[in-house]
């Protein structure tokens, strides 16, 4: 699906949870026995390698209910595979020191619903952060609407839009890795909660690696 390739190439998917009211828990003293130890974000201080990508990516066993792992659309990808063919595009992504790209793709058995999770590996966390920020700007140019979502890594963002297909995307950075997880369809109603669950599963797998 060409629209999906464009989405994942140009929109490589930080939105925090909504405030629940004026009485913020941040202003309250912790109760007795309450654990106040800060939780480190997924990937904090980590440096991942190209060899780790197959283990960091979503696995066939991670397929959502009613979907199957699409082997022919998964695995290691080149820049050309993901839609980077113009010299100016290639120069930009290469200037950030991209080291590897790895896709995990799942398709529904009875509809055109597709889940694609793409890993972008960079030489360092600064380059990965620049890429994440660029993809968020690109999503806004495609008129994606921001979604409220929990932080999934050291930085993250989420959005919903239409690029010849409905798209819901969650993206986050873990160390020198950027993860973009997108649901797309032309015929079904997309579930933001299902898309978030897939992104959370991606974050959990990285946290365990």
C-alpha atoms as a PDB file:
ATOM      1  CA  UNK A   1       0.000   0.000   0.000  1.00  0.00           C
ATOM      2  CA  UNK A   2       1.756   3.153  -1.230  1.00  0.00           C
ATOM      3  CA  UNK A   3       0.030   5.399   1.314  1.00  0.00           C
ATOM      4  CA  UNK A   4       1.499   3.346   4.149  1.00  0.00           C
ATOM      5  CA  UNK A   5       4.985   3.605   2.664  1.00  0.00           C
ATOM      6  CA  UNK A   6       4.635   7.377   2.504  1.00  0.00           C
ATOM      7  CA  UNK A   7       3.360   7.555   6.054  1.00  0.00           C
ATOM      8  CA  UNK A   8       6.175   5.492   7.488  1.00  0.00           C
ATOM      9  CA  UNK A   9       8.818   7.247   5.402  1.00  0.00           C
ATOM     10  CA  UNK A  10       7.743  10.821   6.075  1.00  0.00           C
ATOM     11  CA  UNK A  11       6.046  10.296   9.426  1.00  0.00           C
ATOM     12  CA  UNK A  12       8.534   8.139  11.249  1.00  0.00           C
ATOM     13  CA  UNK A  13       5.270   7.998  15.093  1.00  0.00           C
ATOM     14  CA  UNK A  14       5.573  14.055  23.062  1.00  0.00           C
ATOM     15  CA  UNK A  15       2.061  13.848  24.038  1.00  0.00           C
ATOM     16  CA  UNK A  16       1.370  13.532  27.748  1.00  0.00           C
ATOM     17  CA  UNK A  17      -1.863  12.492  29.445  1.00  0.00           C
ATOM     18  CA  UNK A  18      -4.579  15.128  29.916  1.00  0.00           C
ATOM     19  CA  UNK A  19      -4.844  16.948  33.241  1.00  0.00           C
ATOM     20  CA  UNK A  20      -7.622  15.306  35.243  1.00  0.00           C
ATOM     21  CA  UNK A  21      -8.596  18.468  37.097  1.00  0.00           C
ATOM     22  CA  UNK A  22      -7.389  21.407  39.160  1.00  0.00           C
ATOM     23  CA  UNK A  23      -6.346  19.251  42.127  1.00  0.00           C
ATOM     24  CA  UNK A  24      -3.133  17.853  40.668  1.00  0.00           C
ATOM     25  CA  UNK A  25      -1.632  14.859  42.471  1.00  0.00           C
ATOM     26  CA  UNK A  26       1.779  16.439  41.836  1.00  0.00           C
ATOM     27  CA  UNK A  27       0.921  19.030  44.495  1.00  0.00           C
ATOM     28  CA  UNK A  28       0.037  16.458  47.130  1.00  0.00           C
ATOM     29  CA  UNK A  29       2.319  14.806  49.631  1.00  0.00           C
ATOM     30  CA  UNK A  30       2.850  11.083  48.995  1.00  0.00           C
ATOM     31  CA  UNK A  31       0.850   8.824  51.271  1.00  0.00           C
ATOM     32  CA  UNK A  32       2.385   6.349  53.711  1.00  0.00           C
ATOM     33  CA  UNK A  33       4.184   3.557  51.932  1.00  0.00           C
ATOM     34  CA  UNK A  34       3.719   5.179  48.534  1.00  0.00           C
ATOM     35  CA  UNK A  35       6.641   4.429  46.202  1.00  0.00           C
ATOM     36  CA  UNK A  36       8.053   7.702  44.911  1.00  0.00           C
ATOM     37  CA  UNK A  37      11.065   6.199  43.120  1.00  0.00           C
ATOM     38  CA  UNK A  38      11.246   7.749  39.627  1.00  0.00           C
ATOM     39  CA  UNK A  39      10.728   5.268  36.819  1.00  0.00           C
ATOM     40  CA  UNK A  40      13.315   5.578  34.082  1.00  0.00           C
ATOM     41  CA  UNK A  41      11.877   5.902  30.577  1.00  0.00           C
ATOM     42  CA  UNK A  42      12.244   2.960  28.210  1.00  0.00           C
ATOM     43  CA  UNK A  43      15.693   3.017  26.644  1.00  0.00           C
ATOM     44  CA  UNK A  44      17.103   5.665  28.976  1.00  0.00           C
ATOM     45  CA  UNK A  45      20.873   5.744  28.557  1.00  0.00           C
ATOM     46  CA  UNK A  46      20.832   2.716  26.234  1.00  0.00           C
ATOM     47  CA  UNK A  47      22.783   2.363  22.992  1.00  0.00           C
ATOM     48  CA  UNK A  48      21.328  -0.249  20.663  1.00  0.00           C
ATOM     49  CA  UNK A  49      23.123  -1.957  17.777  1.00  0.00           C
ATOM     50  CA  UNK A  50      22.097  -3.116  14.316  1.00  0.00           C
ATOM     51  CA  UNK A  51      22.516  -6.728  15.374  1.00  0.00           C
ATOM     52  CA  UNK A  52      19.835  -6.250  18.066  1.00  0.00           C
ATOM     53  CA  UNK A  53      17.109  -5.018  15.707  1.00  0.00           C
ATOM     54  CA  UNK A  54      15.481  -8.442  15.096  1.00  0.00           C
ATOM     55  CA  UNK A  55      15.105  -8.927  18.865  1.00  0.00           C
ATOM     56  CA  UNK A  56      13.929  -5.353  19.512  1.00  0.00           C
ATOM     57  CA  UNK A  57      11.197  -5.528  16.857  1.00  0.00           C
ATOM     58  CA  UNK A  58       7.693  -6.885  17.360  1.00  0.00           C
ATOM     59  CA  UNK A  59       7.608 -10.652  16.788  1.00  0.00           C
ATOM     60  CA  UNK A  60       5.085 -12.889  14.958  1.00  0.00           C
ATOM     61  CA  UNK A  61       3.737 -13.892  18.381  1.00  0.00           C
ATOM     62  CA  UNK A  62       2.883 -10.218  19.012  1.00  0.00           C
ATOM     63  CA  UNK A  63       0.198 -10.226  16.302  1.00  0.00           C
ATOM     64  CA  UNK A  64      -3.041  -8.604  17.539  1.00  0.00           C
ATOM     65  CA  UNK A  65      -6.134 -10.802  17.552  1.00  0.00           C
ATOM     66  CA  UNK A  66      -7.425 -11.407  14.026  1.00  0.00           C
ATOM     67  CA  UNK A  67      -4.118 -10.395  12.422  1.00  0.00           C
ATOM     68  CA  UNK A  68      -1.099 -12.303  11.142  1.00  0.00           C
ATOM     69  CA  UNK A  69       2.591 -11.479  10.734  1.00  0.00           C
ATOM     70  CA  UNK A  70       3.376 -10.585   7.109  1.00  0.00           C
ATOM     71  CA  UNK A  71       6.863 -11.946   6.536  1.00  0.00           C
ATOM     72  CA  UNK A  72       7.301 -10.495   3.040  1.00  0.00           C
ATOM     73  CA  UNK A  73       6.714  -6.964   4.376  1.00  0.00           C
ATOM     74  CA  UNK A  74       8.899  -7.394   7.448  1.00  0.00           C
ATOM     75  CA  UNK A  75      12.583  -7.563   8.287  1.00  0.00           C
ATOM     76  CA  UNK A  76      15.562  -5.381   7.475  1.00  0.00           C
ATOM     77  CA  UNK A  77      14.819  -2.528   5.067  1.00  0.00           C
ATOM     78  CA  UNK A  78      16.929  -0.245   2.901  1.00  0.00           C
ATOM     79  CA  UNK A  79      16.244   3.469   2.459  1.00  0.00           C
ATOM     80  CA  UNK A  80      14.878   2.705  -1.008  1.00  0.00           C
ATOM     81  CA  UNK A  81      12.561   0.043   0.455  1.00  0.00           C
ATOM     82  CA  UNK A  82      10.928   2.631   2.713  1.00  0.00           C
ATOM     83  CA  UNK A  83      10.518   5.295   0.026  1.00  0.00           C
ATOM     84  CA  UNK A  84      13.709   7.368   0.184  1.00  0.00           C
ATOM     85  CA  UNK A  85      14.772   7.758  -3.440  1.00  0.00           C
ATOM     86  CA  UNK A  86      15.378  11.489  -3.966  1.00  0.00           C
ATOM     87  CA  UNK A  87      18.928  12.655  -3.367  1.00  0.00           C
ATOM     88  CA  UNK A  88      17.838  15.433  -0.970  1.00  0.00           C
ATOM     89  CA  UNK A  89      15.908  12.897   1.112  1.00  0.00           C
ATOM     90  CA  UNK A  90      18.846  10.518   1.169  1.00  0.00           C
ATOM     91  CA  UNK A  91      21.276  13.288   2.111  1.00  0.00           C
ATOM     92  CA  UNK A  92      19.093  14.379   5.047  1.00  0.00           C
ATOM     93  CA  UNK A  93      18.622  10.953   6.590  1.00  0.00           C
ATOM     94  CA  UNK A  94      22.247   9.974   6.002  1.00  0.00           C
ATOM     95  CA  UNK A  95      23.437  13.185   7.662  1.00  0.00           C
ATOM     96  CA  UNK A  96      21.822  11.922  10.870  1.00  0.00           C
ATOM     97  CA  UNK A  97      23.824   8.710  10.692  1.00  0.00           C
ATOM     98  CA  UNK A  98      21.020   6.190  10.182  1.00  0.00           C
ATOM     99  CA  UNK A  99      22.397   2.717  10.900  1.00  0.00           C
ATOM    100  CA  UNK A 100      19.478   0.429  10.190  1.00  0.00           C
ATOM    101  CA  UNK A 101      15.741   0.069   9.572  1.00  0.00           C
ATOM    102  CA  UNK A 102      13.636  -2.917  10.608  1.00  0.00           C
ATOM    103  CA  UNK A 103       9.919  -3.491   9.995  1.00  0.00           C
ATOM    104  CA  UNK A 104       7.343  -5.735  11.639  1.00  0.00           C
ATOM    105  CA  UNK A 105       4.102  -5.819   9.642  1.00  0.00           C
ATOM    106  CA  UNK A 106       0.795  -7.457  10.492  1.00  0.00           C
ATOM    107  CA  UNK A 107      -2.321  -7.743   8.301  1.00  0.00           C
ATOM    108  CA  UNK A 108      -5.899  -8.551   9.223  1.00  0.00           C
ATOM    109  CA  UNK A 109      -7.156 -11.870   7.909  1.00  0.00           C
ATOM    110  CA  UNK A 110     -10.443 -10.521   6.540  1.00  0.00           C
ATOM    111  CA  UNK A 111      -9.998  -6.760   5.995  1.00  0.00           C
ATOM    112  CA  UNK A 112      -7.387  -4.267   4.755  1.00  0.00           C
ATOM    113  CA  UNK A 113      -6.381  -3.300   8.308  1.00  0.00           C
ATOM    114  CA  UNK A 114      -2.580  -3.195   8.646  1.00  0.00           C
ATOM    115  CA  UNK A 115      -0.289  -2.657  11.621  1.00  0.00           C
ATOM    116  CA  UNK A 116       3.280  -1.610  10.802  1.00  0.00           C
ATOM    117  CA  UNK A 117       5.963  -1.066  13.416  1.00  0.00           C
ATOM    118  CA  UNK A 118       9.224   0.402  12.140  1.00  0.00           C
ATOM    119  CA  UNK A 119      12.516   0.720  14.012  1.00  0.00           C
ATOM    120  CA  UNK A 120      14.934   3.473  12.970  1.00  0.00           C
ATOM    121  CA  UNK A 121      18.414   3.005  14.413  1.00  0.00           C
ATOM    122  CA  UNK A 122      20.824   5.950  14.613  1.00  0.00           C
ATOM    123  CA  UNK A 123      24.420   6.372  15.694  1.00  0.00           C
ATOM    124  CA  UNK A 124      23.476   8.275  18.837  1.00  0.00           C
ATOM    125  CA  UNK A 125      20.526   9.526  20.854  1.00  0.00           C
ATOM    126  CA  UNK A 126      20.860  13.123  19.617  1.00  0.00           C
ATOM    127  CA  UNK A 127      20.381  12.051  15.992  1.00  0.00           C
ATOM    128  CA  UNK A 128      17.427   9.871  16.974  1.00  0.00           C
ATOM    129  CA  UNK A 129      15.838  12.814  18.801  1.00  0.00           C
ATOM    130  CA  UNK A 130      16.274  15.029  15.738  1.00  0.00           C
ATOM    131  CA  UNK A 131      14.558  12.384  13.623  1.00  0.00           C
ATOM    132  CA  UNK A 132      11.671  11.997  16.063  1.00  0.00           C
ATOM    133  CA  UNK A 133      11.130  15.769  16.130  1.00  0.00           C
ATOM    134  CA  UNK A 134      11.273  15.963  12.337  1.00  0.00           C
ATOM    135  CA  UNK A 135       8.669  13.253  11.982  1.00  0.00           C
ATOM    136  CA  UNK A 136       6.345  15.099  14.334  1.00  0.00           C
ATOM    137  CA  UNK A 137       6.717  18.256  12.227  1.00  0.00           C
ATOM    138  CA  UNK A 138       6.092  16.208   9.083  1.00  0.00           C
ATOM    139  CA  UNK A 139       2.923  14.753  10.590  1.00  0.00           C
ATOM    140  CA  UNK A 140       1.628  18.268  11.196  1.00  0.00           C
ATOM    141  CA  UNK A 141       2.302  19.129   7.544  1.00  0.00           C
ATOM    142  CA  UNK A 142       0.170  16.117   6.623  1.00  0.00           C
ATOM    143  CA  UNK A 143      -2.563  17.612   8.851  1.00  0.00           C
ATOM    144  CA  UNK A 144      -2.354  14.878  11.474  1.00  0.00           C
ATOM    145  CA  UNK A 145      -4.291  15.722  14.616  1.00  0.00           C
ATOM    146  CA  UNK A 146      -2.354  15.179  17.867  1.00  0.00           C
ATOM    147  CA  UNK A 147      -3.602  12.457  20.188  1.00  0.00           C
ATOM    148  CA  UNK A 148      -3.417  12.321  23.956  1.00  0.00           C
ATOM    149  CA  UNK A 149      -1.162   9.462  24.967  1.00  0.00           C
ATOM    150  CA  UNK A 150       1.182   8.409  27.752  1.00  0.00           C
ATOM    151  CA  UNK A 151       4.905   8.846  27.272  1.00  0.00           C
ATOM    152  CA  UNK A 152       6.226   5.638  25.760  1.00  0.00           C
ATOM    153  CA  UNK A 153       9.965   6.322  25.820  1.00  0.00           C
ATOM    154  CA  UNK A 154      12.320   9.188  26.505  1.00  0.00           C
ATOM    155  CA  UNK A 155      10.188  11.291  24.156  1.00  0.00           C
ATOM    156  CA  UNK A 156       7.078  10.479  22.165  1.00  0.00           C
ATOM    157  CA  UNK A 157       4.178  11.807  20.128  1.00  0.00           C
ATOM    158  CA  UNK A 158       0.961  10.479  18.608  1.00  0.00           C
ATOM    159  CA  UNK A 159      -1.373  11.557  15.834  1.00  0.00           C
ATOM    160  CA  UNK A 160      -4.287  10.642  13.616  1.00  0.00           C
ATOM    161  CA  UNK A 161      -4.684  11.587   9.964  1.00  0.00           C
ATOM    162  CA  UNK A 162      -5.583  10.583   6.444  1.00  0.00           C
ATOM    163  CA  UNK A 163      -3.152   9.889   3.604  1.00  0.00           C
ATOM    164  CA  UNK A 164      -5.418   8.073   1.143  1.00  0.00           C
ATOM    165  CA  UNK A 165      -6.073   5.852   4.164  1.00  0.00           C
ATOM    166  CA  UNK A 166      -6.979   6.454   7.788  1.00  0.00           C
ATOM    167  CA  UNK A 167      -3.904   6.358  10.004  1.00  0.00           C
ATOM    168  CA  UNK A 168      -3.260   6.298  13.739  1.00  0.00           C
ATOM    169  CA  UNK A 169       0.412   6.565  14.699  1.00  0.00           C
ATOM    170  CA  UNK A 170       2.345   6.411  17.967  1.00  0.00           C
ATOM    171  CA  UNK A 171       6.072   7.189  17.887  1.00  0.00           C
ATOM    172  CA  UNK A 172       8.715   7.284  20.580  1.00  0.00           C
ATOM    173  CA  UNK A 173      12.469   7.387  21.134  1.00  0.00           C
ATOM    174  CA  UNK A 174      14.401   4.915  23.251  1.00  0.00           C
ATOM    175  CA  UNK A 175      18.079   5.787  23.356  1.00  0.00           C
ATOM    176  CA  UNK A 176      19.363   5.884  19.780  1.00  0.00           C
ATOM    177  CA  UNK A 177      16.249   4.099  18.490  1.00  0.00           C
ATOM    178  CA  UNK A 178      13.057   5.639  17.091  1.00  0.00           C
ATOM    179  CA  UNK A 179       9.963   3.427  16.972  1.00  0.00           C
ATOM    180  CA  UNK A 180       7.007   4.280  14.719  1.00  0.00           C
ATOM    181  CA  UNK A 181       3.890   2.121  15.075  1.00  0.00           C
ATOM    182  CA  UNK A 182       0.960   2.799  12.750  1.00  0.00           C
ATOM    183  CA  UNK A 183      -2.437   1.281  12.080  1.00  0.00           C
ATOM    184  CA  UNK A 184      -3.858   2.053   8.637  1.00  0.00           C
ATOM    185  CA  UNK A 185      -6.999   1.149   6.710  1.00  0.00           C
ATOM    186  CA  UNK A 186      -9.269   2.403   3.942  1.00  0.00           C
ATOM    187  CA  UNK A 187     -12.357   0.455   5.010  1.00  0.00           C
ATOM    188  CA  UNK A 188     -12.352  -0.056   8.784  1.00  0.00           C
ATOM    189  CA  UNK A 189     -12.809   2.184  11.805  1.00  0.00           C
ATOM    190  CA  UNK A 190      -9.480   2.580  13.553  1.00  0.00           C
ATOM    191  CA  UNK A 191      -9.215   2.068  17.287  1.00  0.00           C
ATOM    192  CA  UNK A 192      -6.849   4.456  19.028  1.00  0.00           C
ATOM    193  CA  UNK A 193      -6.712   2.164  22.052  1.00  0.00           C
ATOM    194  CA  UNK A 194      -5.648  -0.780  19.872  1.00  0.00           C
ATOM    195  CA  UNK A 195      -2.956   1.361  18.233  1.00  0.00           C
ATOM    196  CA  UNK A 196      -1.697   2.489  21.631  1.00  0.00           C
ATOM    197  CA  UNK A 197      -1.659  -1.110  22.864  1.00  0.00           C
ATOM    198  CA  UNK A 198       0.536  -2.112  19.913  1.00  0.00           C
ATOM    199  CA  UNK A 199       2.934   0.749  20.593  1.00  0.00           C
ATOM    200  CA  UNK A 200       3.044  -0.157  24.279  1.00  0.00           C
ATOM    201  CA  UNK A 201       3.844  -3.748  23.335  1.00  0.00           C
ATOM    202  CA  UNK A 202       6.732  -2.451  21.204  1.00  0.00           C
ATOM    203  CA  UNK A 203       7.977  -0.384  24.154  1.00  0.00           C
ATOM    204  CA  UNK A 204       7.694  -3.368  26.517  1.00  0.00           C
ATOM    205  CA  UNK A 205       9.730  -5.562  24.179  1.00  0.00           C
ATOM    206  CA  UNK A 206      12.482  -2.943  23.950  1.00  0.00           C
ATOM    207  CA  UNK A 207      12.488  -2.547  27.736  1.00  0.00           C
ATOM    208  CA  UNK A 208      13.152  -6.267  28.108  1.00  0.00           C
ATOM    209  CA  UNK A 209      15.984  -6.379  25.552  1.00  0.00           C
END
